[in-house]
C-alpha atoms as a PDB file:
ATOM      1  CA  UNK A   1      30.381 -42.342 -40.563  1.00  0.00           C
ATOM      2  CA  UNK A   2      30.038 -41.997 -44.404  1.00  0.00           C
ATOM      3  CA  UNK A   3      28.788 -38.566 -46.575  1.00  0.00           C
ATOM      4  CA  UNK A   4      25.127 -39.418 -46.706  1.00  0.00           C
ATOM      5  CA  UNK A   5      25.067 -39.705 -42.629  1.00  0.00           C
ATOM      6  CA  UNK A   6      26.963 -36.271 -42.088  1.00  0.00           C
ATOM      7  CA  UNK A   7      24.409 -35.044 -44.831  1.00  0.00           C
ATOM      8  CA  UNK A   8      21.347 -35.831 -43.022  1.00  0.00           C
ATOM      9  CA  UNK A   9      22.558 -34.694 -39.507  1.00  0.00           C
ATOM     10  CA  UNK A  10      23.570 -31.433 -41.147  1.00  0.00           C
ATOM     11  CA  UNK A  11      19.669 -31.038 -42.926  1.00  0.00           C
ATOM     12  CA  UNK A  12      18.321 -31.929 -39.494  1.00  0.00           C
ATOM     13  CA  UNK A  13      20.044 -29.135 -37.487  1.00  0.00           C
ATOM     14  CA  UNK A  14      19.344 -26.483 -40.369  1.00  0.00           C
ATOM     15  CA  UNK A  15      15.626 -27.562 -40.285  1.00  0.00           C
ATOM     16  CA  UNK A  16      15.118 -26.855 -36.480  1.00  0.00           C
ATOM     17  CA  UNK A  17      13.155 -23.977 -35.356  1.00  0.00           C
ATOM     18  CA  UNK A  18      14.982 -21.218 -33.658  1.00  0.00           C
ATOM     19  CA  UNK A  19      13.610 -21.105 -30.243  1.00  0.00           C
ATOM     20  CA  UNK A  20      14.467 -18.445 -27.249  1.00  0.00           C
ATOM     21  CA  UNK A  21      16.414 -19.700 -24.098  1.00  0.00           C
ATOM     22  CA  UNK A  22      14.032 -21.311 -21.750  1.00  0.00           C
ATOM     23  CA  UNK A  23      15.128 -18.771 -18.976  1.00  0.00           C
ATOM     24  CA  UNK A  24      13.725 -15.754 -20.996  1.00  0.00           C
ATOM     25  CA  UNK A  25      10.455 -16.968 -20.784  1.00  0.00           C
ATOM     26  CA  UNK A  26      10.715 -17.353 -17.037  1.00  0.00           C
ATOM     27  CA  UNK A  27      11.962 -13.984 -16.712  1.00  0.00           C
ATOM     28  CA  UNK A  28       8.775 -12.515 -18.822  1.00  0.00           C
ATOM     29  CA  UNK A  29       6.729 -14.319 -16.613  1.00  0.00           C
ATOM     30  CA  UNK A  30       8.620 -13.028 -13.557  1.00  0.00           C
ATOM     31  CA  UNK A  31       8.509  -9.281 -14.748  1.00  0.00           C
ATOM     32  CA  UNK A  32       4.756  -9.464 -15.739  1.00  0.00           C
ATOM     33  CA  UNK A  33       3.677 -11.150 -12.300  1.00  0.00           C
ATOM     34  CA  UNK A  34       5.793  -8.395 -10.524  1.00  0.00           C
ATOM     35  CA  UNK A  35       4.074  -5.560 -12.282  1.00  0.00           C
ATOM     36  CA  UNK A  36       0.789  -6.898 -11.519  1.00  0.00           C
ATOM     37  CA  UNK A  37       1.447  -7.236  -7.795  1.00  0.00           C
ATOM     38  CA  UNK A  38       2.715  -3.571  -7.985  1.00  0.00           C
ATOM     39  CA  UNK A  39      -0.553  -2.642  -9.490  1.00  0.00           C
ATOM     40  CA  UNK A  40      -2.771  -4.460  -7.378  1.00  0.00           C
ATOM     41  CA  UNK A  41      -0.996  -4.272  -3.981  1.00  0.00           C
ATOM     42  CA  UNK A  42       1.892  -2.191  -3.477  1.00  0.00           C
ATOM     43  CA  UNK A  43       0.191   0.833  -5.025  1.00  0.00           C
ATOM     44  CA  UNK A  44      -2.799   1.082  -3.570  1.00  0.00           C
ATOM     45  CA  UNK A  45      -1.416   0.553   0.144  1.00  0.00           C
ATOM     46  CA  UNK A  46       0.810   3.473  -0.518  1.00  0.00           C
ATOM     47  CA  UNK A  47      -2.060   5.693  -1.699  1.00  0.00           C
ATOM     48  CA  UNK A  48      -3.792   4.602   1.429  1.00  0.00           C
ATOM     49  CA  UNK A  49      -0.742   5.634   3.578  1.00  0.00           C
ATOM     50  CA  UNK A  50      -0.354   9.055   2.042  1.00  0.00           C
ATOM     51  CA  UNK A  51      -3.924   9.485   2.593  1.00  0.00           C
ATOM     52  CA  UNK A  52      -3.852   8.758   6.348  1.00  0.00           C
ATOM     53  CA  UNK A  53      -0.476  11.074   6.595  1.00  0.00           C
ATOM     54  CA  UNK A  54      -2.224  13.767   4.980  1.00  0.00           C
ATOM     55  CA  UNK A  55      -5.331  13.114   7.481  1.00  0.00           C
ATOM     56  CA  UNK A  56      -3.282  13.037  10.659  1.00  0.00           C
ATOM     57  CA  UNK A  57      -1.333  15.957   9.675  1.00  0.00           C
ATOM     58  CA  UNK A  58      -4.480  18.026   9.349  1.00  0.00           C
ATOM     59  CA  UNK A  59      -6.124  16.818  12.578  1.00  0.00           C
ATOM     60  CA  UNK A  60      -7.050  19.190  15.022  1.00  0.00           C
ATOM     61  CA  UNK A  61      -8.909  19.771  18.427  1.00  0.00           C
ATOM     62  CA  UNK A  62     -12.298  18.030  18.282  1.00  0.00           C
ATOM     63  CA  UNK A  63     -11.491  15.463  15.816  1.00  0.00           C
ATOM     64  CA  UNK A  64     -12.796  12.024  16.384  1.00  0.00           C
ATOM     65  CA  UNK A  65     -10.201   9.224  15.938  1.00  0.00           C
ATOM     66  CA  UNK A  66      -9.532   5.358  16.157  1.00  0.00           C
ATOM     67  CA  UNK A  67      -5.974   4.322  17.314  1.00  0.00           C
ATOM     68  CA  UNK A  68      -4.293   1.071  16.133  1.00  0.00           C
ATOM     69  CA  UNK A  69      -4.911  -0.498  19.437  1.00  0.00           C
ATOM     70  CA  UNK A  70      -8.879   0.234  18.788  1.00  0.00           C
ATOM     71  CA  UNK A  71      -9.296   3.086  21.307  1.00  0.00           C
ATOM     72  CA  UNK A  72     -12.081   5.633  20.137  1.00  0.00           C
ATOM     73  CA  UNK A  73     -11.665   8.977  21.121  1.00  0.00           C
ATOM     74  CA  UNK A  74     -11.713  12.763  20.482  1.00  0.00           C
ATOM     75  CA  UNK A  75      -8.519  15.120  20.020  1.00  0.00           C
ATOM     76  CA  UNK A  76      -8.317  17.185  23.257  1.00  0.00           C
ATOM     77  CA  UNK A  77      -4.505  18.633  22.348  1.00  0.00           C
ATOM     78  CA  UNK A  78      -2.336  18.329  19.391  1.00  0.00           C
ATOM     79  CA  UNK A  79       1.339  18.623  20.015  1.00  0.00           C
ATOM     80  CA  UNK A  80       4.432  18.023  17.585  1.00  0.00           C
ATOM     81  CA  UNK A  81       4.766  14.328  17.652  1.00  0.00           C
ATOM     82  CA  UNK A  82       1.821  13.295  19.903  1.00  0.00           C
ATOM     83  CA  UNK A  83      -2.119  13.952  20.658  1.00  0.00           C
ATOM     84  CA  UNK A  84      -3.813  14.200  23.990  1.00  0.00           C
ATOM     85  CA  UNK A  85      -6.922  11.812  23.373  1.00  0.00           C
ATOM     86  CA  UNK A  86     -10.277  12.239  25.345  1.00  0.00           C
ATOM     87  CA  UNK A  87     -11.475   8.819  25.891  1.00  0.00           C
ATOM     88  CA  UNK A  88     -14.096   9.432  28.506  1.00  0.00           C
ATOM     89  CA  UNK A  89     -15.058  12.166  30.766  1.00  0.00           C
ATOM     90  CA  UNK A  90     -12.105  13.177  32.808  1.00  0.00           C
ATOM     91  CA  UNK A  91     -10.079  10.367  31.171  1.00  0.00           C
ATOM     92  CA  UNK A  92      -7.173  11.692  29.102  1.00  0.00           C
ATOM     93  CA  UNK A  93      -4.457   9.816  27.380  1.00  0.00           C
ATOM     94  CA  UNK A  94      -1.200  10.791  25.488  1.00  0.00           C
ATOM     95  CA  UNK A  95      -0.765   8.597  22.163  1.00  0.00           C
ATOM     96  CA  UNK A  96       1.853   8.946  19.516  1.00  0.00           C
ATOM     97  CA  UNK A  97       0.575  10.617  15.999  1.00  0.00           C
ATOM     98  CA  UNK A  98       1.655   7.280  14.496  1.00  0.00           C
ATOM     99  CA  UNK A  99      -0.753   5.355  16.747  1.00  0.00           C
ATOM    100  CA  UNK A 100      -3.544   6.996  14.806  1.00  0.00           C
ATOM    101  CA  UNK A 101      -5.286   4.285  12.256  1.00  0.00           C
ATOM    102  CA  UNK A 102      -8.317   6.388  11.262  1.00  0.00           C
ATOM    103  CA  UNK A 103      -9.884   9.719  11.303  1.00  0.00           C
ATOM    104  CA  UNK A 104     -13.521   8.877  11.571  1.00  0.00           C
ATOM    105  CA  UNK A 105     -15.092  12.498  11.746  1.00  0.00           C
ATOM    106  CA  UNK A 106     -13.621  15.720  11.665  1.00  0.00           C
ATOM    107  CA  UNK A 107     -14.829  18.674  13.658  1.00  0.00           C
ATOM    108  CA  UNK A 108     -16.051  20.585  10.587  1.00  0.00           C
ATOM    109  CA  UNK A 109     -18.481  17.594   9.323  1.00  0.00           C
ATOM    110  CA  UNK A 110     -19.788  17.279  12.866  1.00  0.00           C
ATOM    111  CA  UNK A 111     -20.573  20.692  13.567  1.00  0.00           C
ATOM    112  CA  UNK A 112     -24.325  22.181  12.935  1.00  0.00           C
ATOM    113  CA  UNK A 113     -22.941  24.826  10.560  1.00  0.00           C
ATOM    114  CA  UNK A 114     -21.244  22.777   8.122  1.00  0.00           C
ATOM    115  CA  UNK A 115     -24.491  20.574   7.422  1.00  0.00           C
ATOM    116  CA  UNK A 116     -26.674  23.812   6.980  1.00  0.00           C
END
């Protein structure tokens, strides 16, 4: 190798633009997608869970509920960890509080005094 060849190689290395490592771009994209997933999926689900927990904690006798198994009924008795659910005339079942999926109508909104 002669001096002119080394000079040409030195010039091409110096003229090359500085590029960030390829892994950095991938990390930025992964972080962006994680943030998007958090705000589009995780955060709304946590909000719904908190609302359902608040509804379950505030349920009382006479509230209409739907269980996770799809059973519709009216709460007949509230205990520490369970509800007694009236499903039909003279048919009552005892279910866990965690089995409630929705509170469809509370006793306050179904009473005539609340609508007047």
